[in-house]
Amino acid sequence: MSPQDRGNIAAAVLNKLNPAEAILSGAMENGSIRFHVDKTIGTNSNGCAATSFTVTPFGSNQLAAEWQEGGCQGDHVILQKARS
């Protein structure tokens, strides 16, 4: 395992143990909910904090969540409804 891979694993663990928090406000826009980050509390292990967040219906019982992090690379995830 390369030092970079070990660093990525360590950063992922740190982010899970100490996530960044944010206060969001949002509105509907083109079938999605677009959130604006009003205030952040902390950053992730790379010094990044979210600047915007979008949630869009996706597939059957799924949501696509995408976020941007200012000067850092944003990311996305597909969320699925849990069985009730």
N, C-alpha and C. Protein backbone atom coordinates (compact mmCIF):
# COMPACT_ATOMS: atom_id res chain seq x y z
N MET A 1 0.85 -1.17 0.00
CA MET A 1 0.00 0.00 0.00
C MET A 1 0.90 1.25 0.00
N SER A 2 0.62 2.15 -0.90
CA SER A 2 1.45 3.35 -1.03
C SER A 2 1.17 4.32 0.14
N PRO A 3 2.12 5.23 0.43
CA PRO A 3 1.88 6.23 1.47
C PRO A 3 0.64 7.09 1.19
N GLN A 4 0.38 7.37 -0.09
CA GLN A 4 -0.80 8.17 -0.43
C GLN A 4 -2.08 7.42 -0.09
N ASP A 5 -2.11 6.11 -0.38
CA ASP A 5 -3.28 5.29 -0.05
C ASP A 5 -3.50 5.26 1.46
N ARG A 6 -2.41 5.11 2.23
CA ARG A 6 -2.53 5.11 3.68
C ARG A 6 -3.04 6.46 4.17
N GLY A 7 -2.59 7.54 3.54
CA GLY A 7 -3.06 8.88 3.89
C GLY A 7 -4.54 9.06 3.61
N ASN A 8 -5.01 8.52 2.47
CA ASN A 8 -6.44 8.62 2.13
C ASN A 8 -7.29 7.84 3.12
N ILE A 9 -6.83 6.68 3.54
CA ILE A 9 -7.57 5.87 4.52
C ILE A 9 -7.61 6.62 5.85
N ALA A 10 -6.48 7.18 6.25
CA ALA A 10 -6.43 7.92 7.51
C ALA A 10 -7.37 9.13 7.46
N ALA A 11 -7.38 9.85 6.34
CA ALA A 11 -8.27 11.01 6.20
C ALA A 11 -9.73 10.59 6.27
N ALA A 12 -10.07 9.47 5.65
CA ALA A 12 -11.46 8.98 5.67
C ALA A 12 -11.87 8.62 7.10
N VAL A 13 -10.99 8.00 7.86
CA VAL A 13 -11.29 7.65 9.25
C VAL A 13 -11.47 8.92 10.07
N LEU A 14 -10.57 9.89 9.90
CA LEU A 14 -10.69 11.16 10.63
C LEU A 14 -12.00 11.88 10.30
N ASN A 15 -12.39 11.87 9.03
CA ASN A 15 -13.63 12.53 8.63
C ASN A 15 -14.85 11.86 9.27
N LYS A 16 -14.81 10.54 9.41
CA LYS A 16 -15.93 9.82 10.05
C LYS A 16 -15.99 10.14 11.55
N LEU A 17 -14.83 10.26 12.19
CA LEU A 17 -14.79 10.51 13.62
C LEU A 17 -15.07 11.97 13.97
N ASN A 18 -14.75 12.89 13.07
CA ASN A 18 -14.90 14.32 13.34
C ASN A 18 -15.41 15.03 12.09
N PRO A 19 -16.69 14.82 11.74
CA PRO A 19 -17.21 15.43 10.50
C PRO A 19 -17.40 16.93 10.64
N ALA A 20 -17.37 17.63 9.52
CA ALA A 20 -17.68 19.05 9.50
C ALA A 20 -19.20 19.21 9.58
N GLU A 21 -19.65 20.25 10.26
CA GLU A 21 -21.08 20.51 10.38
C GLU A 21 -21.40 21.78 9.62
N ALA A 22 -22.68 21.90 9.21
CA ALA A 22 -23.09 23.11 8.48
C ALA A 22 -24.56 23.41 8.76
N ILE A 23 -24.89 24.68 8.69
CA ILE A 23 -26.27 25.14 8.76
C ILE A 23 -26.67 25.50 7.34
N LEU A 24 -27.76 24.87 6.84
CA LEU A 24 -28.18 25.01 5.45
C LEU A 24 -29.55 25.67 5.35
N SER A 25 -29.77 26.37 4.24
CA SER A 25 -31.12 26.82 3.86
C SER A 25 -31.26 26.45 2.40
N GLY A 26 -32.51 26.18 1.96
CA GLY A 26 -32.65 25.72 0.59
C GLY A 26 -34.00 26.03 -0.01
N ALA A 27 -34.09 25.81 -1.31
CA ALA A 27 -35.32 26.04 -2.06
C ALA A 27 -35.36 25.07 -3.24
N MET A 28 -36.57 24.83 -3.74
CA MET A 28 -36.74 24.00 -4.93
C MET A 28 -36.19 24.71 -6.15
N GLU A 29 -35.51 23.95 -7.00
CA GLU A 29 -34.97 24.51 -8.24
C GLU A 29 -34.88 23.39 -9.27
N ASN A 30 -35.67 23.47 -10.32
CA ASN A 30 -35.65 22.48 -11.41
C ASN A 30 -35.80 21.05 -10.92
N GLY A 31 -36.73 20.79 -10.01
CA GLY A 31 -36.98 19.44 -9.54
C GLY A 31 -36.04 18.95 -8.46
N SER A 32 -35.11 19.77 -8.04
CA SER A 32 -34.17 19.42 -6.98
C SER A 32 -34.34 20.40 -5.82
N ILE A 33 -33.77 20.04 -4.69
CA ILE A 33 -33.66 21.01 -3.60
C ILE A 33 -32.21 21.45 -3.56
N ARG A 34 -32.00 22.74 -3.77
CA ARG A 34 -30.64 23.29 -3.75
C ARG A 34 -30.44 24.01 -2.42
N PHE A 35 -29.47 23.54 -1.66
CA PHE A 35 -29.16 24.12 -0.37
C PHE A 35 -27.97 25.06 -0.49
N HIS A 36 -28.02 26.14 0.27
CA HIS A 36 -26.92 27.07 0.39
C HIS A 36 -26.38 26.91 1.81
N VAL A 37 -25.08 26.90 1.97
CA VAL A 37 -24.49 26.78 3.29
C VAL A 37 -24.45 28.17 3.92
N ASP A 38 -25.24 28.34 4.99
CA ASP A 38 -25.28 29.61 5.70
C ASP A 38 -24.10 29.77 6.65
N LYS A 39 -23.71 28.65 7.27
CA LYS A 39 -22.61 28.71 8.23
C LYS A 39 -21.99 27.32 8.36
N THR A 40 -20.68 27.25 8.42
CA THR A 40 -20.00 25.98 8.67
C THR A 40 -19.37 26.01 10.05
N ILE A 41 -19.30 24.84 10.64
CA ILE A 41 -18.68 24.69 11.94
C ILE A 41 -17.61 23.63 11.77
N GLY A 42 -16.38 24.06 11.59
CA GLY A 42 -15.29 23.13 11.38
C GLY A 42 -15.11 22.77 9.91
N THR A 43 -14.08 21.98 9.67
CA THR A 43 -13.77 21.48 8.33
C THR A 43 -13.44 20.00 8.44
N ASN A 44 -13.33 19.34 7.30
CA ASN A 44 -12.92 17.94 7.34
C ASN A 44 -11.40 17.88 7.52
N SER A 45 -10.83 16.69 7.50
CA SER A 45 -9.40 16.52 7.77
C SER A 45 -8.52 17.16 6.70
N ASN A 46 -9.09 17.50 5.53
CA ASN A 46 -8.33 18.16 4.47
C ASN A 46 -8.48 19.68 4.52
N GLY A 47 -9.21 20.18 5.50
CA GLY A 47 -9.44 21.62 5.61
C GLY A 47 -10.56 22.12 4.71
N CYS A 48 -11.40 21.21 4.21
CA CYS A 48 -12.48 21.57 3.29
C CYS A 48 -13.81 21.66 4.03
N ALA A 49 -14.67 22.57 3.56
CA ALA A 49 -16.02 22.70 4.10
C ALA A 49 -16.98 22.89 2.93
N ALA A 50 -18.16 22.32 3.06
CA ALA A 50 -19.17 22.41 1.99
C ALA A 50 -19.58 23.86 1.77
N THR A 51 -19.83 24.19 0.49
CA THR A 51 -20.33 25.52 0.14
C THR A 51 -21.73 25.44 -0.45
N SER A 52 -22.11 24.29 -1.03
CA SER A 52 -23.46 24.08 -1.52
C SER A 52 -23.76 22.59 -1.55
N PHE A 53 -25.06 22.26 -1.61
CA PHE A 53 -25.51 20.88 -1.50
C PHE A 53 -26.80 20.77 -2.28
N THR A 54 -26.93 19.75 -3.13
CA THR A 54 -28.13 19.56 -3.94
C THR A 54 -28.64 18.13 -3.78
N VAL A 55 -29.96 17.99 -3.61
CA VAL A 55 -30.59 16.67 -3.50
C VAL A 55 -31.61 16.56 -4.62
N THR A 56 -31.52 15.48 -5.41
CA THR A 56 -32.38 15.28 -6.58
C THR A 56 -32.98 13.87 -6.55
N PRO A 57 -34.30 13.74 -6.80
CA PRO A 57 -34.88 12.39 -6.92
C PRO A 57 -34.12 11.61 -8.00
N PHE A 58 -33.87 10.33 -7.71
CA PHE A 58 -33.06 9.52 -8.62
C PHE A 58 -33.55 8.08 -8.56
N GLY A 59 -33.95 7.54 -9.68
CA GLY A 59 -34.39 6.16 -9.72
C GLY A 59 -35.60 5.90 -8.85
N SER A 60 -35.76 4.68 -8.42
CA SER A 60 -36.89 4.28 -7.59
C SER A 60 -36.49 4.32 -6.12
N ASN A 61 -37.12 5.21 -5.35
CA ASN A 61 -36.84 5.37 -3.92
C ASN A 61 -35.40 5.75 -3.63
N GLN A 62 -34.80 6.56 -4.51
CA GLN A 62 -33.42 6.98 -4.31
C GLN A 62 -33.31 8.49 -4.44
N LEU A 63 -32.25 9.03 -3.86
CA LEU A 63 -31.89 10.44 -4.00
C LEU A 63 -30.43 10.53 -4.39
N ALA A 64 -30.12 11.45 -5.29
CA ALA A 64 -28.73 11.75 -5.62
C ALA A 64 -28.38 13.02 -4.83
N ALA A 65 -27.35 12.93 -4.02
CA ALA A 65 -26.89 14.07 -3.23
C ALA A 65 -25.51 14.47 -3.76
N GLU A 66 -25.36 15.76 -4.08
CA GLU A 66 -24.08 16.27 -4.59
C GLU A 66 -23.71 17.50 -3.79
N TRP A 67 -22.42 17.68 -3.53
CA TRP A 67 -21.99 18.86 -2.80
C TRP A 67 -20.69 19.41 -3.37
N GLN A 68 -20.51 20.69 -3.16
CA GLN A 68 -19.30 21.39 -3.57
C GLN A 68 -18.60 21.88 -2.30
N GLU A 69 -17.28 21.98 -2.37
CA GLU A 69 -16.50 22.36 -1.20
C GLU A 69 -15.52 23.49 -1.52
N GLY A 70 -16.03 24.60 -2.02
CA GLY A 70 -15.16 25.75 -2.28
C GLY A 70 -13.99 25.37 -3.16
N GLY A 71 -12.77 25.58 -2.67
CA GLY A 71 -11.56 25.29 -3.43
C GLY A 71 -11.19 23.81 -3.47
N CYS A 72 -11.91 22.98 -2.75
CA CYS A 72 -11.66 21.53 -2.73
C CYS A 72 -12.61 20.83 -3.69
N GLN A 73 -12.33 19.57 -3.96
CA GLN A 73 -13.19 18.78 -4.84
C GLN A 73 -14.43 18.35 -4.07
N GLY A 74 -15.61 18.59 -4.63
CA GLY A 74 -16.86 18.12 -4.04
C GLY A 74 -17.01 16.63 -4.26
N ASP A 75 -18.21 16.14 -4.01
CA ASP A 75 -18.44 14.70 -4.17
C ASP A 75 -19.93 14.45 -4.34
N HIS A 76 -20.31 13.21 -4.43
CA HIS A 76 -21.72 12.84 -4.56
C HIS A 76 -21.93 11.45 -3.96
N VAL A 77 -23.20 11.17 -3.66
CA VAL A 77 -23.56 9.86 -3.14
C VAL A 77 -25.01 9.59 -3.54
N ILE A 78 -25.35 8.33 -3.72
CA ILE A 78 -26.73 7.92 -4.00
C ILE A 78 -27.29 7.34 -2.70
N LEU A 79 -28.41 7.91 -2.26
CA LEU A 79 -29.06 7.47 -1.03
C LEU A 79 -30.29 6.64 -1.39
N GLN A 80 -30.52 5.56 -0.68
CA GLN A 80 -31.67 4.72 -0.94
C GLN A 80 -32.53 4.64 0.31
N LYS A 81 -33.85 4.66 0.11
CA LYS A 81 -34.78 4.57 1.23
C LYS A 81 -34.61 3.24 1.93
N ALA A 82 -34.52 3.30 3.26
CA ALA A 82 -34.42 2.08 4.04
C ALA A 82 -35.78 1.43 4.13
N ARG A 83 -35.79 0.14 4.26
CA ARG A 83 -37.05 -0.57 4.44
C ARG A 83 -37.65 -0.19 5.78
N SER A 84 -38.98 -0.05 5.80
CA SER A 84 -39.62 0.27 7.08
C SER A 84 -40.41 -0.88 7.62
